[in-house]
Amino acid sequence: MPRPSPGRPPDAALDAAILQATLALLAETGYERLSVEAVARRAGTAKTSVYRRWPTKEALVLAALRAYLDRPASAGSRRAGGSLRADLL
């Protein structure tokens, strides 16, 4: 029987909120001005919650972009014929 890991179970809704906040701020401020503190504020969580999941800003942005690119394209989605850069802008 597997032993439960200590601590809280992963929160998929919080992960999604953090990644969404990252994409929004990336579009608004650009990579250089993006901060983990601002992402945490926008997502409504503590910056330690962000760092617990992604140890660096680079890892966070990469995860957000991967999540964006991996999401299914819905009918009429701009992503189907657009570009990531245009969507972020």
PDB file of N, CA and C in Angstrom:
ATOM      1  N   MET A   1       0.852  -1.182   0.000  1.00  0.00           N
ATOM      2  CA  MET A   1       0.000   0.000   0.000  1.00  0.00           C
ATOM      3  C   MET A   1       0.897   1.244   0.000  1.00  0.00           C
ATOM      4  N   PRO A   2       0.694   2.169  -0.967  1.00  0.00           N
ATOM      5  CA  PRO A   2       1.531   3.374  -1.022  1.00  0.00           C
ATOM      6  C   PRO A   2       1.254   4.275   0.173  1.00  0.00           C
ATOM      7  N   ARG A   3       2.314   4.862   0.671  1.00  0.00           N
ATOM      8  CA  ARG A   3       2.199   5.789   1.794  1.00  0.00           C
ATOM      9  C   ARG A   3       1.867   7.178   1.260  1.00  0.00           C
ATOM     10  N   PRO A   4       0.941   7.863   1.915  1.00  0.00           N
ATOM     11  CA  PRO A   4       0.639   9.230   1.472  1.00  0.00           C
ATOM     12  C   PRO A   4       1.835  10.135   1.739  1.00  0.00           C
ATOM     13  N   SER A   5       2.044  11.055   0.827  1.00  0.00           N
ATOM     14  CA  SER A   5       3.150  11.994   1.009  1.00  0.00           C
ATOM     15  C   SER A   5       2.739  13.058   2.028  1.00  0.00           C
ATOM     16  N   PRO A   6       3.713  13.589   2.754  1.00  0.00           N
ATOM     17  CA  PRO A   6       3.383  14.617   3.735  1.00  0.00           C
ATOM     18  C   PRO A   6       2.965  15.920   3.053  1.00  0.00           C
ATOM     19  N   GLY A   7       2.196  16.702   3.738  1.00  0.00           N
ATOM     20  CA  GLY A   7       1.783  17.996   3.197  1.00  0.00           C
ATOM     21  C   GLY A   7       0.475  17.915   2.449  1.00  0.00           C
ATOM     22  N   ARG A   8       0.120  19.041   1.886  1.00  0.00           N
ATOM     23  CA  ARG A   8      -1.134  19.135   1.139  1.00  0.00           C
ATOM     24  C   ARG A   8      -1.037  18.434  -0.203  1.00  0.00           C
ATOM     25  N   PRO A   9      -2.166  17.908  -0.688  1.00  0.00           N
ATOM     26  CA  PRO A   9      -2.147  17.346  -2.042  1.00  0.00           C
ATOM     27  C   PRO A   9      -2.025  18.472  -3.066  1.00  0.00           C
ATOM     28  N   PRO A  10      -1.542  18.174  -4.266  1.00  0.00           N
ATOM     29  CA  PRO A  10      -1.429  19.215  -5.300  1.00  0.00           C
ATOM     30  C   PRO A  10      -2.788  19.842  -5.603  1.00  0.00           C
ATOM     31  N   ASP A  11      -2.779  21.119  -5.887  1.00  0.00           N
ATOM     32  CA  ASP A  11      -4.007  21.858  -6.191  1.00  0.00           C
ATOM     33  C   ASP A  11      -3.964  22.290  -7.658  1.00  0.00           C
ATOM     34  N   ALA A  12      -4.663  21.548  -8.498  1.00  0.00           N
ATOM     35  CA  ALA A  12      -4.648  21.825  -9.939  1.00  0.00           C
ATOM     36  C   ALA A  12      -5.217  23.207 -10.257  1.00  0.00           C
ATOM     37  N   ALA A  13      -6.211  23.644  -9.481  1.00  0.00           N
ATOM     38  CA  ALA A  13      -6.806  24.962  -9.732  1.00  0.00           C
ATOM     39  C   ALA A  13      -5.791  26.069  -9.449  1.00  0.00           C
ATOM     40  N   LEU A  14      -4.994  25.909  -8.401  1.00  0.00           N
ATOM     41  CA  LEU A  14      -3.973  26.915  -8.096  1.00  0.00           C
ATOM     42  C   LEU A  14      -2.881  26.894  -9.157  1.00  0.00           C
ATOM     43  N   ASP A  15      -2.477  25.705  -9.579  1.00  0.00           N
ATOM     44  CA  ASP A  15      -1.479  25.606 -10.655  1.00  0.00           C
ATOM     45  C   ASP A  15      -1.963  26.359 -11.890  1.00  0.00           C
ATOM     46  N   ALA A  16      -3.222  26.135 -12.266  1.00  0.00           N
ATOM     47  CA  ALA A  16      -3.786  26.794 -13.449  1.00  0.00           C
ATOM     48  C   ALA A  16      -3.833  28.304 -13.269  1.00  0.00           C
ATOM     49  N   ALA A  17      -4.203  28.765 -12.078  1.00  0.00           N
ATOM     50  CA  ALA A  17      -4.267  30.210 -11.816  1.00  0.00           C
ATOM     51  C   ALA A  17      -2.881  30.839 -11.925  1.00  0.00           C
ATOM     52  N   ILE A  18      -1.876  30.157 -11.413  1.00  0.00           N
ATOM     53  CA  ILE A  18      -0.501  30.670 -11.477  1.00  0.00           C
ATOM     54  C   ILE A  18      -0.029  30.732 -12.927  1.00  0.00           C
ATOM     55  N   LEU A  19      -0.280  29.684 -13.696  1.00  0.00           N
ATOM     56  CA  LEU A  19       0.160  29.664 -15.096  1.00  0.00           C
ATOM     57  C   LEU A  19      -0.577  30.717 -15.921  1.00  0.00           C
ATOM     58  N   GLN A  20      -1.871  30.889 -15.649  1.00  0.00           N
ATOM     59  CA  GLN A  20      -2.643  31.917 -16.356  1.00  0.00           C
ATOM     60  C   GLN A  20      -2.131  33.316 -16.007  1.00  0.00           C
ATOM     61  N   ALA A  21      -1.846  33.542 -14.737  1.00  0.00           N
ATOM     62  CA  ALA A  21      -1.304  34.837 -14.316  1.00  0.00           C
ATOM     63  C   ALA A  21       0.050  35.092 -14.970  1.00  0.00           C
ATOM     64  N   THR A  22       0.843  34.043 -15.087  1.00  0.00           N
ATOM     65  CA  THR A  22       2.162  34.172 -15.728  1.00  0.00           C
ATOM     66  C   THR A  22       2.018  34.607 -17.179  1.00  0.00           C
ATOM     67  N   LEU A  23       1.122  33.956 -17.913  1.00  0.00           N
ATOM     68  CA  LEU A  23       0.923  34.328 -19.319  1.00  0.00           C
ATOM     69  C   LEU A  23       0.413  35.761 -19.457  1.00  0.00           C
ATOM     70  N   ALA A  24      -0.524  36.145 -18.605  1.00  0.00           N
ATOM     71  CA  ALA A  24      -1.081  37.500 -18.677  1.00  0.00           C
ATOM     72  C   ALA A  24       0.003  38.540 -18.406  1.00  0.00           C
ATOM     73  N   LEU A  25       0.792  38.311 -17.365  1.00  0.00           N
ATOM     74  CA  LEU A  25       1.846  39.274 -17.040  1.00  0.00           C
ATOM     75  C   LEU A  25       2.966  39.268 -18.074  1.00  0.00           C
ATOM     76  N   LEU A  26       3.251  38.117 -18.638  1.00  0.00           N
ATOM     77  CA  LEU A  26       4.252  38.040 -19.695  1.00  0.00           C
ATOM     78  C   LEU A  26       3.833  38.905 -20.877  1.00  0.00           C
ATOM     79  N   ALA A  27       2.545  38.854 -21.214  1.00  0.00           N
ATOM     80  CA  ALA A  27       2.028  39.666 -22.317  1.00  0.00           C
ATOM     81  C   ALA A  27       2.053  41.151 -21.965  1.00  0.00           C
ATOM     82  N   GLU A  28       1.764  41.475 -20.712  1.00  0.00           N
ATOM     83  CA  GLU A  28       1.707  42.880 -20.294  1.00  0.00           C
ATOM     84  C   GLU A  28       3.078  43.511 -20.094  1.00  0.00           C
ATOM     85  N   THR A  29       4.015  42.759 -19.509  1.00  0.00           N
ATOM     86  CA  THR A  29       5.283  43.363 -19.092  1.00  0.00           C
ATOM     87  C   THR A  29       6.495  42.875 -19.852  1.00  0.00           C
ATOM     88  N   GLY A  30       6.380  41.712 -20.493  1.00  0.00           N
ATOM     89  CA  GLY A  30       7.546  41.111 -21.125  1.00  0.00           C
ATOM     90  C   GLY A  30       8.319  40.284 -20.117  1.00  0.00           C
ATOM     91  N   TYR A  31       9.218  39.463 -20.623  1.00  0.00           N
ATOM     92  CA  TYR A  31       9.959  38.531 -19.772  1.00  0.00           C
ATOM     93  C   TYR A  31      10.838  39.244 -18.747  1.00  0.00           C
ATOM     94  N   GLU A  32      11.566  40.224 -19.180  1.00  0.00           N
ATOM     95  CA  GLU A  32      12.529  40.894 -18.293  1.00  0.00           C
ATOM     96  C   GLU A  32      11.855  41.518 -17.070  1.00  0.00           C
ATOM     97  N   ARG A  33      10.688  42.106 -17.254  1.00  0.00           N
ATOM     98  CA  ARG A  33      10.012  42.794 -16.145  1.00  0.00           C
ATOM     99  C   ARG A  33       9.067  41.886 -15.365  1.00  0.00           C
ATOM    100  N   LEU A  34       8.853  40.668 -15.837  1.00  0.00           N
ATOM    101  CA  LEU A  34       7.994  39.721 -15.134  1.00  0.00           C
ATOM    102  C   LEU A  34       8.669  39.303 -13.831  1.00  0.00           C
ATOM    103  N   SER A  35       7.906  39.280 -12.734  1.00  0.00           N
ATOM    104  CA  SER A  35       8.460  38.825 -11.463  1.00  0.00           C
ATOM    105  C   SER A  35       7.554  37.773 -10.851  1.00  0.00           C
ATOM    106  N   VAL A  36       8.164  36.862 -10.110  1.00  0.00           N
ATOM    107  CA  VAL A  36       7.394  35.821  -9.433  1.00  0.00           C
ATOM    108  C   VAL A  36       6.453  36.455  -8.412  1.00  0.00           C
ATOM    109  N   GLU A  37       6.893  37.529  -7.777  1.00  0.00           N
ATOM    110  CA  GLU A  37       6.055  38.224  -6.811  1.00  0.00           C
ATOM    111  C   GLU A  37       4.773  38.752  -7.462  1.00  0.00           C
ATOM    112  N   ALA A  38       4.899  39.319  -8.651  1.00  0.00           N
ATOM    113  CA  ALA A  38       3.728  39.836  -9.368  1.00  0.00           C
ATOM    114  C   ALA A  38       2.810  38.701  -9.806  1.00  0.00           C
ATOM    115  N   VAL A  39       3.396  37.592 -10.227  1.00  0.00           N
ATOM    116  CA  VAL A  39       2.594  36.430 -10.611  1.00  0.00           C
ATOM    117  C   VAL A  39       1.796  35.936  -9.410  1.00  0.00           C
ATOM    118  N   ALA A  40       2.444  35.824  -8.270  1.00  0.00           N
ATOM    119  CA  ALA A  40       1.768  35.356  -7.055  1.00  0.00           C
ATOM    120  C   ALA A  40       0.618  36.288  -6.680  1.00  0.00           C
ATOM    121  N   ARG A  41       0.869  37.585  -6.739  1.00  0.00           N
ATOM    122  CA  ARG A  41      -0.192  38.564  -6.426  1.00  0.00           C
ATOM    123  C   ARG A  41      -1.378  38.387  -7.364  1.00  0.00           C
ATOM    124  N   ARG A  42      -1.101  38.277  -8.654  1.00  0.00           N
ATOM    125  CA  ARG A  42      -2.169  38.140  -9.655  1.00  0.00           C
ATOM    126  C   ARG A  42      -2.938  36.836  -9.461  1.00  0.00           C
ATOM    127  N   ALA A  43      -2.235  35.775  -9.062  1.00  0.00           N
ATOM    128  CA  ALA A  43      -2.877  34.469  -8.869  1.00  0.00           C
ATOM    129  C   ALA A  43      -3.559  34.354  -7.506  1.00  0.00           C
ATOM    130  N   GLY A  44      -3.321  35.325  -6.627  1.00  0.00           N
ATOM    131  CA  GLY A  44      -3.942  35.297  -5.305  1.00  0.00           C
ATOM    132  C   GLY A  44      -3.322  34.287  -4.359  1.00  0.00           C
ATOM    133  N   THR A  45      -2.014  34.152  -4.442  1.00  0.00           N
ATOM    134  CA  THR A  45      -1.314  33.204  -3.577  1.00  0.00           C
ATOM    135  C   THR A  45      -0.003  33.810  -3.107  1.00  0.00           C
ATOM    136  N   ALA A  46       0.705  33.068  -2.278  1.00  0.00           N
ATOM    137  CA  ALA A  46       2.015  33.520  -1.794  1.00  0.00           C
ATOM    138  C   ALA A  46       3.098  33.127  -2.790  1.00  0.00           C
ATOM    139  N   LYS A  47       4.164  33.919  -2.831  1.00  0.00           N
ATOM    140  CA  LYS A  47       5.234  33.593  -3.778  1.00  0.00           C
ATOM    141  C   LYS A  47       5.900  32.262  -3.429  1.00  0.00           C
ATOM    142  N   THR A  48       5.848  31.851  -2.151  1.00  0.00           N
ATOM    143  CA  THR A  48       6.398  30.543  -1.793  1.00  0.00           C
ATOM    144  C   THR A  48       5.626  29.415  -2.473  1.00  0.00           C
ATOM    145  N   SER A  49       4.334  29.616  -2.693  1.00  0.00           N
ATOM    146  CA  SER A  49       3.534  28.606  -3.398  1.00  0.00           C
ATOM    147  C   SER A  49       3.984  28.474  -4.843  1.00  0.00           C
ATOM    148  N   VAL A  50       4.404  29.576  -5.433  1.00  0.00           N
ATOM    149  CA  VAL A  50       4.904  29.541  -6.817  1.00  0.00           C
ATOM    150  C   VAL A  50       6.268  28.857  -6.841  1.00  0.00           C
ATOM    151  N   TYR A  51       7.169  29.286  -5.943  1.00  0.00           N
ATOM    152  CA  TYR A  51       8.520  28.712  -5.920  1.00  0.00           C
ATOM    153  C   TYR A  51       8.517  27.231  -5.558  1.00  0.00           C
ATOM    154  N   ARG A  52       7.530  26.776  -4.795  1.00  0.00           N
ATOM    155  CA  ARG A  52       7.429  25.361  -4.441  1.00  0.00           C
ATOM    156  C   ARG A  52       7.177  24.521  -5.696  1.00  0.00           C
ATOM    157  N   ARG A  53       6.473  25.100  -6.652  1.00  0.00           N
ATOM    158  CA  ARG A  53       6.130  24.380  -7.880  1.00  0.00           C
ATOM    159  C   ARG A  53       7.184  24.573  -8.973  1.00  0.00           C
ATOM    160  N   TRP A  54       7.669  25.801  -9.100  1.00  0.00           N
ATOM    161  CA  TRP A  54       8.656  26.151 -10.127  1.00  0.00           C
ATOM    162  C   TRP A  54       9.762  26.950  -9.451  1.00  0.00           C
ATOM    163  N   PRO A  55      10.957  26.395  -9.350  1.00  0.00           N
ATOM    164  CA  PRO A  55      12.023  27.016  -8.561  1.00  0.00           C
ATOM    165  C   PRO A  55      12.620  28.299  -9.142  1.00  0.00           C
ATOM    166  N   THR A  56      12.385  28.555 -10.433  1.00  0.00           N
ATOM    167  CA  THR A  56      12.939  29.760 -11.053  1.00  0.00           C
ATOM    168  C   THR A  56      11.896  30.412 -11.952  1.00  0.00           C
ATOM    169  N   LYS A  57      12.131  31.674 -12.264  1.00  0.00           N
ATOM    170  CA  LYS A  57      11.254  32.379 -13.197  1.00  0.00           C
ATOM    171  C   LYS A  57      11.269  31.689 -14.557  1.00  0.00           C
ATOM    172  N   GLU A  58      12.428  31.231 -14.967  1.00  0.00           N
ATOM    173  CA  GLU A  58      12.552  30.558 -16.249  1.00  0.00           C
ATOM    174  C   GLU A  58      11.679  29.301 -16.295  1.00  0.00           C
ATOM    175  N   ALA A  59      11.714  28.503 -15.233  1.00  0.00           N
ATOM    176  CA  ALA A  59      10.908  27.276 -15.169  1.00  0.00           C
ATOM    177  C   ALA A  59       9.419  27.609 -15.182  1.00  0.00           C
ATOM    178  N   LEU A  60       9.040  28.673 -14.499  1.00  0.00           N
ATOM    179  CA  LEU A  60       7.641  29.094 -14.452  1.00  0.00           C
ATOM    180  C   LEU A  60       7.144  29.513 -15.834  1.00  0.00           C
ATOM    181  N   VAL A  61       7.896  30.341 -16.514  1.00  0.00           N
ATOM    182  CA  VAL A  61       7.497  30.811 -17.846  1.00  0.00           C
ATOM    183  C   VAL A  61       7.448  29.649 -18.830  1.00  0.00           C
ATOM    184  N   LEU A  62       8.412  28.775 -18.761  1.00  0.00           N
ATOM    185  CA  LEU A  62       8.416  27.614 -19.646  1.00  0.00           C
ATOM    186  C   LEU A  62       7.182  26.735 -19.397  1.00  0.00           C
ATOM    187  N   ALA A  63       6.837  26.514 -18.142  1.00  0.00           N
ATOM    188  CA  ALA A  63       5.651  25.714 -17.812  1.00  0.00           C
ATOM    189  C   ALA A  63       4.378  26.391 -18.321  1.00  0.00           C
ATOM    190  N   ALA A  64       4.304  27.709 -18.188  1.00  0.00           N
ATOM    191  CA  ALA A  64       3.121  28.441 -18.653  1.00  0.00           C
ATOM    192  C   ALA A  64       2.993  28.346 -20.173  1.00  0.00           C
ATOM    193  N   LEU A  65       4.100  28.486 -20.866  1.00  0.00           N
ATOM    194  CA  LEU A  65       4.058  28.383 -22.329  1.00  0.00           C
ATOM    195  C   LEU A  65       3.723  26.972 -22.779  1.00  0.00           C
ATOM    196  N   ARG A  66       4.265  25.971 -22.090  1.00  0.00           N
ATOM    197  CA  ARG A  66       3.930  24.578 -22.426  1.00  0.00           C
ATOM    198  C   ARG A  66       2.446  24.303 -22.210  1.00  0.00           C
ATOM    199  N   ALA A  67       1.918  24.783 -21.082  1.00  0.00           N
ATOM    200  CA  ALA A  67       0.497  24.578 -20.788  1.00  0.00           C
ATOM    201  C   ALA A  67      -0.362  25.251 -21.854  1.00  0.00           C
ATOM    202  N   TYR A  68       0.049  26.437 -22.274  1.00  0.00           N
ATOM    203  CA  TYR A  68      -0.679  27.161 -23.316  1.00  0.00           C
ATOM    204  C   TYR A  68      -0.659  26.376 -24.626  1.00  0.00           C
ATOM    205  N   LEU A  69       0.497  25.893 -25.000  1.00  0.00           N
ATOM    206  CA  LEU A  69       0.630  25.185 -26.274  1.00  0.00           C
ATOM    207  C   LEU A  69       0.000  23.800 -26.237  1.00  0.00           C
ATOM    208  N   ASP A  70      -0.085  23.197 -25.070  1.00  0.00           N
ATOM    209  CA  ASP A  70      -0.659  21.849 -24.944  1.00  0.00           C
ATOM    210  C   ASP A  70      -2.175  21.844 -24.835  1.00  0.00           C
ATOM    211  N   ARG A  71      -2.769  23.005 -24.588  1.00  0.00           N
ATOM    212  CA  ARG A  71      -4.228  23.003 -24.428  1.00  0.00           C
ATOM    213  C   ARG A  71      -4.882  22.715 -25.776  1.00  0.00           C
ATOM    214  N   PRO A  72      -6.020  22.025 -25.728  1.00  0.00           N
ATOM    215  CA  PRO A  72      -6.689  21.714 -26.997  1.00  0.00           C
ATOM    216  C   PRO A  72      -7.221  22.978 -27.655  1.00  0.00           C
ATOM    217  N   ALA A  73      -7.077  23.045 -28.950  1.00  0.00           N
ATOM    218  CA  ALA A  73      -7.601  24.188 -29.704  1.00  0.00           C
ATOM    219  C   ALA A  73      -9.090  23.971 -29.908  1.00  0.00           C
ATOM    220  N   SER A  74      -9.900  24.911 -29.432  1.00  0.00           N
ATOM    221  CA  SER A  74     -11.346  24.793 -29.607  1.00  0.00           C
ATOM    222  C   SER A  74     -11.752  25.363 -30.956  1.00  0.00           C
ATOM    223  N   ALA A  75     -12.950  25.048 -31.375  1.00  0.00           N
ATOM    224  CA  ALA A  75     -13.455  25.568 -32.644  1.00  0.00           C
ATOM    225  C   ALA A  75     -13.478  27.082 -32.594  1.00  0.00           C
ATOM    226  N   GLY A  76     -12.948  27.704 -33.599  1.00  0.00           N
ATOM    227  CA  GLY A  76     -12.931  29.158 -33.649  1.00  0.00           C
ATOM    228  C   GLY A  76     -11.811  29.775 -32.831  1.00  0.00           C
ATOM    229  N   SER A  77     -10.926  28.955 -32.322  1.00  0.00           N
ATOM    230  CA  SER A  77      -9.830  29.469 -31.507  1.00  0.00           C
ATOM    231  C   SER A  77      -8.853  30.248 -32.376  1.00  0.00           C
ATOM    232  N   ARG A  78      -8.363  31.363 -31.828  1.00  0.00           N
ATOM    233  CA  ARG A  78      -7.356  32.133 -32.557  1.00  0.00           C
ATOM    234  C   ARG A  78      -6.082  31.326 -32.700  1.00  0.00           C
ATOM    235  N   ARG A  79      -5.849  30.416 -31.761  1.00  0.00           N
ATOM    236  CA  ARG A  79      -4.633  29.633 -31.770  1.00  0.00           C
ATOM    237  C   ARG A  79      -4.539  28.731 -32.999  1.00  0.00           C
ATOM    238  N   ALA A  80      -5.673  28.329 -33.517  1.00  0.00           N
ATOM    239  CA  ALA A  80      -5.668  27.413 -34.654  1.00  0.00           C
ATOM    240  C   ALA A  80      -4.919  27.996 -35.851  1.00  0.00           C
ATOM    241  N   GLY A  81      -4.990  29.288 -36.058  1.00  0.00           N
ATOM    242  CA  GLY A  81      -4.300  29.861 -37.201  1.00  0.00           C
ATOM    243  C   GLY A  81      -3.410  31.026 -36.832  1.00  0.00           C
ATOM    244  N   GLY A  82      -3.392  31.366 -35.538  1.00  0.00           N
ATOM    245  CA  GLY A  82      -2.621  32.518 -35.079  1.00  0.00           C
ATOM    246  C   GLY A  82      -1.237  32.116 -34.609  1.00  0.00           C
ATOM    247  N   SER A  83      -0.657  32.992 -33.835  1.00  0.00           N
ATOM    248  CA  SER A  83       0.663  32.712 -33.301  1.00  0.00           C
ATOM    249  C   SER A  83       0.672  32.977 -31.802  1.00  0.00           C
ATOM    250  N   LEU A  84       1.603  32.353 -31.101  1.00  0.00           N
ATOM    251  CA  LEU A  84       1.737  32.564 -29.659  1.00  0.00           C
ATOM    252  C   LEU A  84       2.020  34.023 -29.368  1.00  0.00           C
ATOM    253  N   ARG A  85       2.893  34.623 -30.146  1.00  0.00           N
ATOM    254  CA  ARG A  85       3.246  36.032 -29.926  1.00  0.00           C
ATOM    255  C   ARG A  85       2.014  36.925 -30.048  1.00  0.00           C
ATOM    256  N   ALA A  86       1.206  36.695 -31.078  1.00  0.00           N
ATOM    257  CA  ALA A  86       0.001  37.500 -31.275  1.00  0.00           C
ATOM    258  C   ALA A  86      -0.978  37.273 -30.134  1.00  0.00           C
ATOM    259  N   ASP A  87      -1.125  36.037 -29.678  1.00  0.00           N
ATOM    260  CA  ASP A  87      -2.031  35.760 -28.569  1.00  0.00           C
ATOM    261  C   ASP A  87      -1.564  36.439 -27.287  1.00  0.00           C
ATOM    262  N   LEU A  88      -0.251  36.431 -27.052  1.00  0.00           N
ATOM    263  CA  LEU A  88       0.270  37.068 -25.835  1.00  0.00           C
ATOM    264  C   LEU A  88       0.108  38.581 -25.890  1.00  0.00           C
ATOM    265  N   LEU A  89       0.300  39.134 -27.091  1.00  0.00           N
ATOM    266  CA  LEU A  89       0.141  40.585 -27.220  1.00  0.00           C
ATOM    267  C   LEU A  89      -1.322  40.952 -27.106  1.00  0.00           C
TER     268      LEU A  89
END
